[in-house]
Protein backbone atom coordinates (compact mmCIF):
# COMPACT_ATOMS: atom_id res chain seq x y z
CA MET A 1 73.64 80.58 63.47
CA SER A 2 74.13 83.95 65.01
CA ILE A 3 76.42 84.26 67.88
CA SER A 4 76.21 87.62 69.70
CA TRP A 5 79.01 89.13 71.86
CA GLU A 6 76.70 88.46 74.91
CA HIS A 7 76.25 84.61 74.21
CA LEU A 8 80.33 85.08 73.97
CA ALA A 9 79.96 86.76 77.57
CA ASP A 10 77.90 84.09 79.06
CA CYS A 11 80.25 81.23 77.80
CA LEU A 12 83.08 83.33 79.52
CA ARG A 13 81.01 83.40 82.43
CA GLN A 14 80.59 79.87 82.65
CA GLU A 15 84.17 79.05 82.08
CA LEU A 16 84.90 81.68 84.99
CA ALA A 17 82.23 79.96 87.34
CA ALA A 18 83.94 76.33 86.48
CA TYR A 19 87.49 77.59 86.97
CA GLY A 20 86.22 79.51 90.29
CA GLY A 21 84.52 76.10 91.35
CA LEU A 22 87.92 74.11 90.62
CA LEU A 23 90.27 76.55 92.45
CA HIS A 24 87.81 76.29 95.59
CA LEU A 25 88.13 72.68 95.71
CA PHE A 26 92.09 73.06 95.51
CA GLU A 27 92.16 75.28 97.96
CA GLN A 28 89.92 72.83 100.36
CA GLN A 29 91.90 70.00 99.29
CA GLN A 30 95.28 72.09 100.25
CA HIS A 31 93.80 73.17 103.86
CA CYS A 32 92.78 69.30 104.31
CA LEU A 33 96.16 68.39 103.23
CA LEU A 34 97.74 70.88 105.77
CA ASN A 35 95.21 69.48 108.84
CA ARG A 36 96.17 65.67 107.79
CA ASP A 37 92.59 64.78 106.92
CA ALA A 38 93.35 61.75 104.61
CA GLN A 39 89.71 60.93 104.09
CA GLU A 40 88.74 64.38 103.36
CA VAL A 41 91.73 64.78 100.94
CA MET A 42 90.69 61.51 98.88
CA SER A 43 86.90 62.93 98.81
CA LEU A 44 88.11 66.09 97.58
CA GLY A 45 89.96 64.19 94.81
CA ALA A 46 86.80 63.29 92.81
CA ALA A 47 84.85 66.41 93.35
CA ILE A 48 88.39 67.97 91.58
CA GLU A 49 88.25 65.16 88.79
CA ALA A 50 83.87 65.80 88.19
CA GLU A 51 84.96 69.77 88.48
CA ALA A 52 87.96 69.39 86.04
CA GLN A 53 85.58 68.14 83.23
CA GLN A 54 82.65 70.73 83.66
CA VAL A 55 85.68 73.29 83.09
CA ALA A 56 86.77 71.44 80.22
CA VAL A 57 83.34 71.18 78.79
CA SER A 58 82.74 75.02 79.66
CA ARG A 59 86.01 75.92 77.85
CA ALA A 60 85.02 73.56 74.71
CA GLN A 61 81.76 75.34 74.40
CA ARG A 62 83.62 78.47 74.54
CA GLU A 63 85.95 77.77 72.25
CA GLN A 64 83.11 76.63 69.71
CA ALA A 65 81.34 79.60 70.13
CA VAL A 66 84.45 81.82 69.25
CA ALA A 67 85.19 79.82 66.62
CA ASP A 68 81.52 80.36 65.12
CA PHE A 69 81.62 84.22 65.82
CA ALA A 70 84.91 84.29 63.51
CA ALA A 71 83.21 82.14 60.84
CA GLN A 72 80.27 84.53 61.04
CA LEU A 73 82.65 87.75 61.02
CA ARG A 74 84.93 85.96 57.97
CA GLN A 75 87.65 85.29 60.09
CA PRO A 76 89.67 82.13 60.59
CA ARG A 77 87.98 79.86 62.71
CA THR A 78 91.06 79.53 64.89
CA SER A 79 91.01 83.28 65.95
CA THR A 80 91.31 84.37 69.72
CA LEU A 81 88.66 86.20 71.23
CA ARG A 82 91.02 88.95 71.97
CA ALA A 83 92.17 88.85 67.97
CA LEU A 84 88.66 89.34 67.57
CA LEU A 85 87.84 92.11 70.23
CA PRO A 86 88.33 94.94 67.49
CA LEU A 87 85.22 93.80 65.27
CA VAL A 88 82.88 93.26 68.28
CA ALA A 89 80.79 96.38 69.34
CA ALA A 90 82.77 99.25 71.15
CA GLU A 91 80.28 98.84 74.31
CA ALA A 92 80.94 95.29 74.46
CA ARG A 93 84.38 95.60 74.20
CA PRO A 94 85.54 96.07 78.02
CA LEU A 95 82.97 93.66 79.40
CA LEU A 96 84.70 91.04 76.96
CA GLN A 97 88.51 92.12 77.60
CA ALA A 98 87.39 91.66 81.76
CA LEU A 99 86.38 88.29 81.35
CA ILE A 100 89.09 87.48 78.89
CA ASP A 101 91.49 88.86 81.42
CA GLU A 102 89.54 87.22 84.63
CA VAL A 103 89.60 83.70 82.75
CA ASN A 104 93.32 84.07 82.27
CA MET A 105 94.09 84.85 85.82
CA LEU A 106 91.88 82.14 87.47
CA LEU A 107 93.28 80.01 84.93
CA HIS A 108 96.92 80.76 86.20
CA ARG A 109 95.84 80.51 89.65
CA VAL A 110 94.44 76.87 89.43
CA ARG A 111 97.77 76.02 87.68
CA ARG A 112 99.78 77.41 90.34
CA VAL A 113 97.48 75.95 93.36
CA SER A 114 97.43 72.56 91.56
CA ARG A 115 101.02 72.35 91.12
CA HIS A 116 101.52 73.18 94.85
CA ASN A 117 98.96 70.59 96.06
CA HIS A 118 100.85 67.95 93.98
CA THR A 119 103.69 68.75 95.71
CA LEU A 120 102.37 68.54 99.15
CA LEU A 121 101.01 65.27 98.24
CA THR A 122 103.99 64.08 96.82
CA ARG A 123 105.96 64.82 99.95
CA ALA A 124 103.43 63.18 102.05
CA VAL A 125 103.75 60.28 99.88
CA GLU A 126 107.38 60.17 100.27
CA VAL A 127 107.40 60.66 104.02
CA HIS A 128 105.01 57.67 104.64
CA GLN A 129 107.30 55.43 102.51
CA GLU A 130 110.10 56.58 104.67
CA VAL A 131 108.66 55.87 107.90
CA LEU A 132 107.40 52.61 106.72
CA GLN A 133 111.02 51.68 105.57
CA GLN A 134 112.32 52.62 108.69
CA LEU A 135 110.05 50.23 110.45
CA ARG A 136 110.15 47.40 108.07
CA PRO A 137 113.37 47.57 106.14
CA THR A 138 113.24 44.25 104.38
CA ALA A 139 109.69 44.68 103.43
CA PHE A 140 111.02 47.47 100.41
CA LEU A 141 113.00 46.80 96.96
CA LYS A 142 114.86 49.75 95.83
CA THR A 143 115.44 49.48 92.06
CA TYR A 144 117.32 52.10 89.79
CA SER A 145 116.18 53.10 86.20
CA PRO A 146 118.99 53.35 83.51
CA ALA A 147 118.28 57.01 84.46
CA GLY A 148 119.32 56.89 87.74
CA THR A 149 115.79 57.09 89.53
CA VAL A 150 115.18 55.17 92.36
CA SER A 151 112.15 53.07 93.05
CA VAL A 152 110.78 51.77 96.00
CA THR A 153 108.51 48.84 95.86
CA GLY A 154 107.01 46.46 98.18
CA SER A 155 108.93 43.25 98.58
CA PRO A 156 106.82 40.37 97.82
CA ALA A 157 108.64 37.95 99.74
CA THR A 158 107.75 39.95 102.51
CA ARG A 159 104.28 40.93 104.05
CA LEU A 160 103.72 44.46 105.91
CA CYS A 161 100.95 43.09 108.21
CA THR A 162 99.79 39.26 109.01
CA ALA A 163 96.31 38.81 110.07
CA SER A 164 95.84 36.04 112.56
């Protein structure tokens, strides 16, 4: 199969769209976290997982197209698109370079926002556990690992709530 630079550009555009969608969902999640909208945070979690799968599919398609393009140019299939740019038509290089740069920029933004959301979620869980421990201190067991980390679990002998 003959792979053209136009096909590579289309693959990069699809990957960009997927990363853009994922970034949008992470930003929505962050907004909901800051507004304490737990229900929406939960529903966004499923949407984020689905979009992350789409990112993986788009990335795999682009990687396959680049490998096929490299083989077509008699280059190692493991070559990066950036390394193949000198072998692409001169008029296509700026477009492909801009798309590569944009994908990398979005990837870094997605990672940064994802880490920030993870920190927010972790802290929210910690605060929630602290409040529950203050309300019912006997309902939790603290255990220490050999590495010195603390794990807090609900005591099996004590119920947090009872229904009558």
